[in-house]
């Protein structure tokens, strides 16, 4: 695949000065063969695409290492996705890493919190060129050519799925007269959606005097520069809409004078994106279909991933608000047709948050107006209704496979918010179907 550069380099050297560097690819949070969640209940073809995407992204990383002829690949944890890992996944990993070993490229891996759950990761026999760090901090010293500094790569794996205390004190001091690279799986100071693991601060990492810290755990890329370069590379492949946007790895070159060059390279097979469509003023179905194309085309053009997976959100005031809800399956089919015409675009889901124009609202004596008011004030806000919905949701959740139960929320707060949102969506759908007016035929333009 074509490797897209997403950022410029930092600490660039003058063009007339060629300084040999130790070059490596830094990645993390690959989550090989991660089980699908929401997609598993929808389009089977899309589920198959995303189901194999983490493997394809990893193969892309291996290809990039070979194309760039790097010295090493560094994986900063969560190569696997917990106890669901099979020996089939492990054999795939060994085969891919063997491609690097055959080319003389070394691989350095630490276990993250998800890897610590995996049983097969402890039984897998890896190629000799692969260093899997254990539960005690250590370093590997790589000797280089004459006149070049050696490289010390420091690593420490999670021995258990949790690490509530900082692991930084366990790392050895920077070796003098060497390029020092640290590998750590850490939540740093914390991030939304990520549990705290091995917490530490960028200031503490800078104080180690390492040249580079290769981090993992947080799925969004971040870079801190200074006396020490600290990189959280993000993940190479998103798995659902909550991991939207471009995904990449970082190509790093560290020179003997301590200068660091970073080059972000995209690796994802599929990119997730949220697209909003303002339907204000649209009063014809054909114009709504045109708005779909107008929104999807630029999104496809701006994405460099081979496939684009979209969640559409409609908002605004439009006379079509009721019809969009009543004929939502036709609107979804329209969106899929427009996506197919553009090519390499998938519709994962859409959300309809449109309302009728205020000028066309029904009078207070209209039965549907009264029903809406009753639902919003006397039913949706009542404790008895919430308790009934909670009981029903708990029953449904218990019948789902374990890996799908987070669909209703990962904790009590998320679950309650999800129940409320679903109840309101259901009420809107019922009112839409009760709204007077003939059905819409095929609903296409």
Protein backbone atom coordinates (compact mmCIF):
# COMPACT_ATOMS: atom_id res chain seq x y z
CA UNK A 1 0.00 0.00 0.00
CA UNK A 2 1.09 3.63 -0.35
CA UNK A 3 2.43 4.98 2.93
CA UNK A 4 0.82 8.32 3.69
CA UNK A 5 2.81 10.81 5.76
CA UNK A 6 0.42 12.53 8.14
CA UNK A 7 2.83 14.87 9.93
CA UNK A 8 6.09 16.64 9.21
CA UNK A 9 9.29 15.71 10.96
CA UNK A 10 10.60 17.42 14.07
CA UNK A 11 14.13 18.60 14.84
CA UNK A 12 15.06 18.41 11.17
CA UNK A 13 18.72 18.44 10.21
CA UNK A 14 20.11 20.71 7.46
CA UNK A 15 19.91 18.98 4.09
CA UNK A 16 23.67 19.05 3.60
CA UNK A 17 24.33 17.12 6.81
CA UNK A 18 23.78 13.37 6.67
CA UNK A 19 23.73 11.81 10.12
CA UNK A 20 23.32 8.05 10.41
CA UNK A 21 20.46 7.16 12.75
CA UNK A 22 18.97 4.19 14.49
CA UNK A 23 15.65 3.76 12.68
CA UNK A 24 12.61 1.89 13.95
CA UNK A 25 8.84 1.67 13.71
CA UNK A 26 6.97 2.36 16.96
CA UNK A 27 3.46 0.98 17.38
CA UNK A 28 1.11 -0.18 20.15
CA UNK A 29 -2.47 -1.26 20.89
CA UNK A 30 -2.88 -3.47 17.84
CA UNK A 31 -5.44 -5.72 19.59
CA UNK A 32 -5.06 -8.53 17.07
CA UNK A 33 -8.36 -10.27 16.22
CA UNK A 34 -10.27 -8.08 18.67
CA UNK A 35 -13.86 -9.37 18.95
CA UNK A 36 -16.41 -7.13 17.26
CA UNK A 37 -19.10 -5.41 19.26
CA UNK A 38 -21.72 -3.27 17.53
CA UNK A 39 -20.76 -4.33 14.01
CA UNK A 40 -21.38 -7.97 14.84
CA UNK A 41 -25.12 -7.28 14.90
CA UNK A 42 -25.31 -5.39 11.59
CA UNK A 43 -23.96 -5.70 8.04
CA UNK A 44 -22.18 -9.11 7.81
CA UNK A 45 -19.90 -7.92 4.99
CA UNK A 46 -18.84 -4.90 7.03
CA UNK A 47 -18.33 -7.11 10.07
CA UNK A 48 -16.04 -9.37 8.01
CA UNK A 49 -14.07 -6.35 6.78
CA UNK A 50 -13.48 -4.92 10.24
CA UNK A 51 -13.01 -8.38 11.73
CA UNK A 52 -9.89 -8.86 9.59
CA UNK A 53 -8.72 -5.25 9.72
CA UNK A 54 -6.38 -5.58 12.72
CA UNK A 55 -4.53 -8.42 10.98
CA UNK A 56 -4.26 -6.44 7.75
CA UNK A 57 -2.97 -3.41 9.65
CA UNK A 58 -0.31 -5.56 11.31
CA UNK A 59 0.75 -6.98 7.94
CA UNK A 60 0.95 -3.38 6.68
CA UNK A 61 3.28 -2.57 9.58
CA UNK A 62 5.55 -5.48 8.67
CA UNK A 63 5.55 -4.35 5.03
CA UNK A 64 6.47 -0.83 6.12
CA UNK A 65 9.40 -2.11 8.20
CA UNK A 66 10.69 -4.04 5.19
CA UNK A 67 10.14 -1.17 2.74
CA UNK A 68 11.94 1.30 5.00
CA UNK A 69 14.68 -1.20 5.93
CA UNK A 70 14.46 -0.17 9.57
CA UNK A 71 16.66 -1.55 12.30
CA UNK A 72 13.80 -2.59 14.58
CA UNK A 73 10.09 -2.79 15.28
CA UNK A 74 8.95 -1.71 18.78
CA UNK A 75 5.52 -2.81 20.05
CA UNK A 76 4.58 -1.03 23.28
CA UNK A 77 1.91 -3.41 24.54
CA UNK A 78 -1.58 -4.73 23.80
CA UNK A 79 -0.55 -6.71 20.78
CA UNK A 80 -3.32 -9.13 21.73
CA UNK A 81 -6.85 -8.47 22.95
CA UNK A 82 -7.10 -10.45 26.15
CA UNK A 83 -8.21 -13.99 26.83
CA UNK A 84 -10.07 -14.34 23.51
CA UNK A 85 -6.75 -14.84 21.75
CA UNK A 86 -6.45 -18.18 19.93
CA UNK A 87 -3.45 -20.15 18.75
CA UNK A 88 -4.53 -19.22 15.22
CA UNK A 89 -3.89 -15.58 16.11
CA UNK A 90 -0.58 -16.47 17.69
CA UNK A 91 0.56 -18.43 14.63
CA UNK A 92 -0.31 -15.49 12.40
CA UNK A 93 1.79 -13.23 14.63
CA UNK A 94 4.77 -15.60 14.59
CA UNK A 95 4.60 -15.88 10.80
CA UNK A 96 4.56 -12.09 10.33
CA UNK A 97 7.41 -11.49 12.78
CA UNK A 98 9.43 -14.18 11.03
CA UNK A 99 9.31 -12.02 7.89
CA UNK A 100 11.23 -9.38 9.82
CA UNK A 101 13.64 -11.87 11.35
CA UNK A 102 14.48 -13.23 7.89
CA UNK A 103 15.35 -9.67 6.81
CA UNK A 104 17.54 -9.15 9.90
CA UNK A 105 15.12 -6.71 11.55
CA UNK A 106 14.76 -7.11 15.31
CA UNK A 107 11.46 -6.82 17.19
CA UNK A 108 11.04 -5.62 20.78
CA UNK A 109 7.74 -6.28 22.54
CA UNK A 110 6.33 -5.56 25.99
CA UNK A 111 3.07 -6.99 27.31
CA UNK A 112 0.29 -4.54 28.14
CA UNK A 113 -2.79 -5.06 30.30
CA UNK A 114 -4.65 -6.97 27.56
CA UNK A 115 -1.62 -9.14 26.77
CA UNK A 116 -1.37 -10.14 30.41
CA UNK A 117 -4.79 -11.79 30.08
CA UNK A 118 -3.71 -13.87 27.10
CA UNK A 119 -2.67 -17.44 27.86
CA UNK A 120 -1.35 -18.32 24.42
CA UNK A 121 1.01 -15.33 24.39
CA UNK A 122 3.01 -17.08 27.11
CA UNK A 123 3.18 -20.34 25.16
CA UNK A 124 4.04 -18.94 21.73
CA UNK A 125 7.52 -19.62 20.38
CA UNK A 126 8.77 -16.45 18.69
CA UNK A 127 11.64 -16.07 16.20
CA UNK A 128 15.09 -15.55 17.69
CA UNK A 129 15.21 -11.94 16.48
CA UNK A 130 12.23 -11.10 18.73
CA UNK A 131 12.78 -9.87 22.29
CA UNK A 132 9.71 -10.19 24.54
CA UNK A 133 10.45 -8.38 27.79
CA UNK A 134 9.43 -10.06 31.02
CA UNK A 135 7.97 -8.86 34.31
CA UNK A 136 11.31 -7.45 35.47
CA UNK A 137 12.79 -4.35 33.88
CA UNK A 138 15.86 -5.03 31.74
CA UNK A 139 17.64 -3.61 28.73
CA UNK A 140 19.10 -4.97 25.52
CA UNK A 141 22.30 -3.36 24.22
CA UNK A 142 22.62 -3.22 20.44
CA UNK A 143 26.13 -2.65 19.12
CA UNK A 144 26.34 -0.68 15.88
CA UNK A 145 28.99 0.25 13.35
CA UNK A 146 32.37 1.75 14.15
CA UNK A 147 32.05 5.25 15.54
CA UNK A 148 28.32 4.87 16.18
CA UNK A 149 26.77 4.86 19.62
CA UNK A 150 25.23 1.60 20.83
CA UNK A 151 21.49 1.53 21.46
CA UNK A 152 20.05 0.49 24.82
CA UNK A 153 16.41 -0.58 24.62
CA UNK A 154 14.75 -0.73 28.04
CA UNK A 155 11.51 -2.66 28.58
CA UNK A 156 9.15 -4.05 31.20
CA UNK A 157 6.01 -6.13 30.63
CA UNK A 158 2.82 -6.22 32.66
CA UNK A 159 2.93 -9.37 34.77
CA UNK A 160 -0.75 -8.90 35.71
CA UNK A 161 -3.74 -7.26 34.01
CA UNK A 162 -3.54 -4.29 36.40
CA UNK A 163 -0.71 -1.95 37.31
CA UNK A 164 -2.05 0.73 39.68
CA UNK A 165 1.41 2.03 40.62
CA UNK A 166 4.04 3.68 38.44
CA UNK A 167 6.49 1.29 36.82
CA UNK A 168 9.02 4.02 36.07
CA UNK A 169 11.16 3.49 39.22
CA UNK A 170 11.88 -0.06 38.03
CA UNK A 171 13.66 1.11 34.87
CA UNK A 172 17.45 1.38 34.93
CA UNK A 173 19.14 4.79 34.58
CA UNK A 174 20.12 5.86 31.08
CA UNK A 175 23.35 4.22 29.92
CA UNK A 176 26.08 6.78 29.25
CA UNK A 177 27.41 7.17 25.71
CA UNK A 178 24.44 5.28 24.27
CA UNK A 179 21.10 5.99 22.64
CA UNK A 180 18.51 5.08 25.28
CA UNK A 181 15.00 4.02 24.28
CA UNK A 182 12.37 3.11 26.88
CA UNK A 183 9.25 1.06 26.17
CA UNK A 184 6.32 1.40 28.56
CA UNK A 185 2.58 0.68 28.61
CA UNK A 186 1.05 3.51 30.61
CA UNK A 187 -2.03 5.71 30.89
CA UNK A 188 0.25 8.65 31.78
CA UNK A 189 -1.98 11.06 33.71
CA UNK A 190 -5.18 9.40 32.51
CA UNK A 191 -7.43 9.78 29.47
CA UNK A 192 -11.20 9.45 28.89
CA UNK A 193 -12.19 5.85 28.18
CA UNK A 194 -8.92 4.43 29.52
CA UNK A 195 -8.42 2.89 32.95
CA UNK A 196 -5.34 4.05 34.89
CA UNK A 197 -2.34 1.81 34.26
CA UNK A 198 1.24 2.39 35.40
CA UNK A 199 0.58 6.15 35.83
CA UNK A 200 3.43 8.61 35.39
CA UNK A 201 3.90 12.10 33.97
CA UNK A 202 5.81 13.44 30.96
CA UNK A 203 7.94 15.46 33.39
CA UNK A 204 9.00 12.25 35.13
CA UNK A 205 9.80 10.62 31.80
CA UNK A 206 11.86 13.63 30.73
CA UNK A 207 13.88 13.35 33.95
CA UNK A 208 15.16 9.88 32.97
CA UNK A 209 17.39 11.41 30.27
CA UNK A 210 16.34 8.71 27.84
CA UNK A 211 16.42 9.85 24.22
CA UNK A 212 13.00 8.38 23.41
CA UNK A 213 10.06 6.89 25.29
CA UNK A 214 7.96 4.50 23.20
CA UNK A 215 4.61 4.40 24.97
CA UNK A 216 1.36 2.51 24.49
CA UNK A 217 -2.15 2.17 25.97
CA UNK A 218 -3.94 5.41 24.96
CA UNK A 219 -5.45 5.01 21.49
CA UNK A 220 -4.95 8.62 20.41
CA UNK A 221 -1.58 9.79 19.13
CA UNK A 222 0.38 12.40 21.10
CA UNK A 223 3.92 13.72 20.94
CA UNK A 224 5.95 15.55 23.61
CA UNK A 225 9.31 16.98 22.63
CA UNK A 226 12.19 18.30 24.68
CA UNK A 227 15.33 16.72 26.08
CA UNK A 228 13.42 13.44 25.73
CA UNK A 229 10.95 12.71 22.95
CA UNK A 230 7.81 11.01 24.27
CA UNK A 231 5.42 9.42 21.78
CA UNK A 232 2.08 7.71 22.26
CA UNK A 233 1.57 6.39 18.70
CA UNK A 234 -2.15 5.70 18.98
CA UNK A 235 -3.40 2.53 17.37
CA UNK A 236 -2.78 1.30 13.81
CA UNK A 237 -6.42 0.29 13.19
CA UNK A 238 -9.66 1.52 14.73
CA UNK A 239 -12.23 -1.11 15.68
CA UNK A 240 -15.44 0.91 16.03
CA UNK A 241 -16.83 4.42 15.66
CA UNK A 242 -15.38 5.46 19.02
CA UNK A 243 -11.93 4.95 17.50
CA UNK A 244 -12.55 7.23 14.53
CA UNK A 245 -10.06 9.21 12.48
CA UNK A 246 -6.76 8.27 10.79
CA UNK A 247 -4.71 5.54 12.49
CA UNK A 248 -0.98 5.18 12.16
CA UNK A 249 2.43 4.13 13.41
CA UNK A 250 5.52 6.29 13.91
CA UNK A 251 8.74 5.92 11.94
CA UNK A 252 11.56 7.13 14.19
CA UNK A 253 15.19 7.95 13.50
CA UNK A 254 17.54 8.83 16.39
CA UNK A 255 20.97 10.21 15.53
CA UNK A 256 24.11 9.91 17.58
CA UNK A 257 23.85 13.60 18.47
CA UNK A 258 20.47 12.93 20.12
CA UNK A 259 18.31 14.52 17.44
CA UNK A 260 15.02 12.71 16.78
CA UNK A 261 13.11 12.59 13.52
CA UNK A 262 9.46 11.47 13.52
CA UNK A 263 7.35 10.49 10.54
CA UNK A 264 3.74 9.39 11.04
CA UNK A 265 2.60 6.68 8.61
CA UNK A 266 -0.98 5.53 8.14
CA UNK A 267 -1.56 1.78 8.37
CA UNK A 268 -5.33 1.26 8.70
CA UNK A 269 -7.36 -0.80 6.26
CA UNK A 270 -10.52 1.06 7.30
CA UNK A 271 -11.05 4.47 8.84
CA UNK A 272 -14.11 5.32 10.92
CA UNK A 273 -15.68 8.77 10.55
CA UNK A 274 -18.65 10.68 11.93
CA UNK A 275 -20.48 12.82 9.37
CA UNK A 276 -23.17 15.35 10.26
CA UNK A 277 -25.83 16.47 7.78
CA UNK A 278 -27.89 19.58 8.50
CA UNK A 279 -31.30 18.95 6.92
CA UNK A 280 -32.63 22.42 7.75
CA UNK A 281 -34.77 23.67 4.89
CA UNK A 282 -34.76 20.38 2.98
CA UNK A 283 -38.35 19.52 2.13
CA UNK A 284 -37.98 17.00 -0.73
CA UNK A 285 -36.73 13.41 -0.39
CA UNK A 286 -34.66 13.78 -3.55
CA UNK A 287 -32.85 16.78 -2.03
CA UNK A 288 -32.15 14.73 1.09
CA UNK A 289 -30.60 12.02 -1.08
CA UNK A 290 -28.45 14.64 -2.81
CA UNK A 291 -27.31 15.91 0.60
CA UNK A 292 -26.11 12.39 1.37
CA UNK A 293 -23.86 12.36 -1.69
CA UNK A 294 -22.62 15.88 -0.95
CA UNK A 295 -21.57 14.79 2.54
CA UNK A 296 -20.05 11.41 1.66
CA UNK A 297 -17.93 12.47 -1.33
CA UNK A 298 -15.59 14.93 0.47
CA UNK A 299 -15.25 12.52 3.40
CA UNK A 300 -14.12 9.77 1.02
CA UNK A 301 -11.74 12.17 -0.75
CA UNK A 302 -10.12 13.35 2.47
CA UNK A 303 -9.59 9.84 3.85
CA UNK A 304 -6.42 8.04 2.78
CA UNK A 305 -7.52 4.65 4.14
CA UNK A 306 -8.60 2.05 1.58
CA UNK A 307 -12.06 1.81 3.19
CA UNK A 308 -14.21 4.43 4.96
CA UNK A 309 -16.82 3.42 7.55
CA UNK A 310 -19.30 6.19 8.30
CA UNK A 311 -21.81 7.01 11.00
CA UNK A 312 -24.28 9.60 9.69
CA UNK A 313 -26.10 12.05 11.92
CA UNK A 314 -29.04 14.12 10.64
CA UNK A 315 -30.11 17.28 12.47
CA UNK A 316 -32.03 20.50 11.88
CA UNK A 317 -35.62 21.52 11.22
CA UNK A 318 -37.24 19.97 8.17
CA UNK A 319 -40.77 19.01 7.09
CA UNK A 320 -39.28 15.55 6.41
CA UNK A 321 -38.52 14.95 10.10
CA UNK A 322 -41.46 12.63 10.67
CA UNK A 323 -40.99 10.80 7.39
CA UNK A 324 -37.28 10.28 8.01
CA UNK A 325 -38.11 8.45 11.22
CA UNK A 326 -41.07 6.55 9.81
CA UNK A 327 -39.15 5.44 6.71
CA UNK A 328 -35.74 5.17 8.32
CA UNK A 329 -35.02 1.83 6.65
CA UNK A 330 -35.56 3.45 3.25
CA UNK A 331 -33.30 6.33 4.16
CA UNK A 332 -30.64 3.86 5.27
CA UNK A 333 -30.96 1.99 1.97
CA UNK A 334 -30.61 5.32 0.14
CA UNK A 335 -27.45 6.09 2.10
CA UNK A 336 -26.00 2.65 1.31
CA UNK A 337 -26.75 3.12 -2.39
CA UNK A 338 -25.04 6.52 -2.46
CA UNK A 339 -22.06 5.07 -0.58
CA UNK A 340 -21.79 2.20 -3.07
CA UNK A 341 -21.83 4.64 -5.99
CA UNK A 342 -18.94 6.60 -4.46
CA UNK A 343 -17.03 3.40 -3.73
CA UNK A 344 -15.14 2.07 -0.68
CA UNK A 345 -17.65 3.71 1.69
CA UNK A 346 -19.74 1.81 4.24
CA UNK A 347 -22.64 3.10 6.33
CA UNK A 348 -22.22 1.72 9.84
CA UNK A 349 -25.27 3.44 11.34
CA UNK A 350 -27.17 6.67 11.22
CA UNK A 351 -28.89 8.85 13.79
CA UNK A 352 -31.91 11.05 13.12
CA UNK A 353 -32.23 14.09 15.37
CA UNK A 354 -34.40 16.25 13.09
CA UNK A 355 -37.49 18.14 14.21
CA UNK A 356 -40.40 19.64 12.24
CA UNK A 357 -40.26 23.40 11.64
CA UNK A 358 -41.92 25.31 14.45
CA UNK A 359 -44.32 26.94 12.01
CA UNK A 360 -45.70 23.54 11.04
CA UNK A 361 -46.05 22.17 14.56
CA UNK A 362 -49.47 20.74 15.30
CA UNK A 363 -51.83 22.75 17.46
CA UNK A 364 -52.14 22.06 21.15
CA UNK A 365 -55.52 20.39 20.53
CA UNK A 366 -54.03 17.87 18.07
CA UNK A 367 -54.07 14.33 19.58
CA UNK A 368 -50.45 13.65 18.57
CA UNK A 369 -49.32 16.90 20.18
CA UNK A 370 -51.08 15.87 23.36
CA UNK A 371 -49.57 12.37 23.15
CA UNK A 372 -46.06 13.78 22.71
CA UNK A 373 -46.51 16.05 25.74
CA UNK A 374 -47.83 13.15 27.79
CA UNK A 375 -44.90 10.91 26.83
CA UNK A 376 -42.28 13.58 27.56
CA UNK A 377 -43.68 14.84 30.86
CA UNK A 378 -45.62 12.00 32.44
CA UNK A 379 -43.93 8.88 31.14
CA UNK A 380 -40.27 9.34 30.18
CA UNK A 381 -39.54 11.32 33.34
CA UNK A 382 -41.30 8.91 35.71
CA UNK A 383 -39.43 6.61 38.10
CA UNK A 384 -41.81 3.74 37.32
CA UNK A 385 -41.08 3.92 33.58
CA UNK A 386 -37.32 4.06 34.15
CA UNK A 387 -37.53 1.04 36.45
CA UNK A 388 -39.51 -0.89 33.83
CA UNK A 389 -37.01 -0.01 31.09
CA UNK A 390 -34.09 -0.94 33.37
CA UNK A 391 -35.65 -4.34 34.10
CA UNK A 392 -36.20 -5.03 30.41
CA UNK A 393 -32.68 -3.88 29.49
CA UNK A 394 -31.12 -6.04 32.22
CA UNK A 395 -33.00 -9.08 30.92
CA UNK A 396 -31.86 -8.45 27.34
CA UNK A 397 -28.29 -7.72 28.41
CA UNK A 398 -28.06 -11.01 30.33
CA UNK A 399 -29.04 -12.91 27.18
CA UNK A 400 -26.26 -11.36 25.08
CA UNK A 401 -22.83 -13.01 24.66
CA UNK A 402 -20.32 -11.70 27.20
CA UNK A 403 -18.34 -9.67 24.66
CA UNK A 404 -21.49 -7.83 23.52
CA UNK A 405 -22.89 -6.78 26.88
CA UNK A 406 -21.16 -3.42 26.80
CA UNK A 407 -23.65 -2.42 24.07
CA UNK A 408 -25.85 -1.20 26.92
CA UNK A 409 -22.93 0.62 28.57
CA UNK A 410 -19.69 -0.31 30.28
CA UNK A 411 -20.74 1.03 33.72
CA UNK A 412 -23.85 2.14 35.61
CA UNK A 413 -23.70 5.74 34.38
CA UNK A 414 -23.29 4.78 30.72
CA UNK A 415 -25.99 2.11 30.98
CA UNK A 416 -28.54 4.52 32.45
CA UNK A 417 -27.78 7.16 29.79
CA UNK A 418 -28.09 4.54 27.06
CA UNK A 419 -31.46 3.36 28.38
CA UNK A 420 -32.80 6.92 28.46
CA UNK A 421 -31.57 7.61 24.92
CA UNK A 422 -33.12 4.40 23.59
CA UNK A 423 -36.44 5.16 25.29
CA UNK A 424 -36.58 8.62 23.72
CA UNK A 425 -35.63 7.25 20.29
CA UNK A 426 -38.37 4.67 20.62
CA UNK A 427 -40.94 7.28 21.54
CA UNK A 428 -39.96 9.41 18.55
CA UNK A 429 -40.25 6.41 16.22
CA UNK A 430 -43.73 5.58 17.51
CA UNK A 431 -44.89 9.17 17.04
CA UNK A 432 -43.39 9.23 13.54
CA UNK A 433 -45.38 6.17 12.54
CA UNK A 434 -48.56 7.67 13.98
CA UNK A 435 -48.06 10.93 12.11
CA UNK A 436 -50.73 11.31 9.47
CA UNK A 437 -49.80 11.05 5.79
CA UNK A 438 -49.46 8.27 3.26
CA UNK A 439 -46.46 5.90 3.18
CA UNK A 440 -43.63 6.99 0.97
CA UNK A 441 -43.48 4.34 -1.73
CA UNK A 442 -39.89 3.30 -2.32
CA UNK A 443 -38.48 6.52 -0.84
CA UNK A 444 -35.68 6.82 -3.37
CA UNK A 445 -34.74 9.67 -5.65
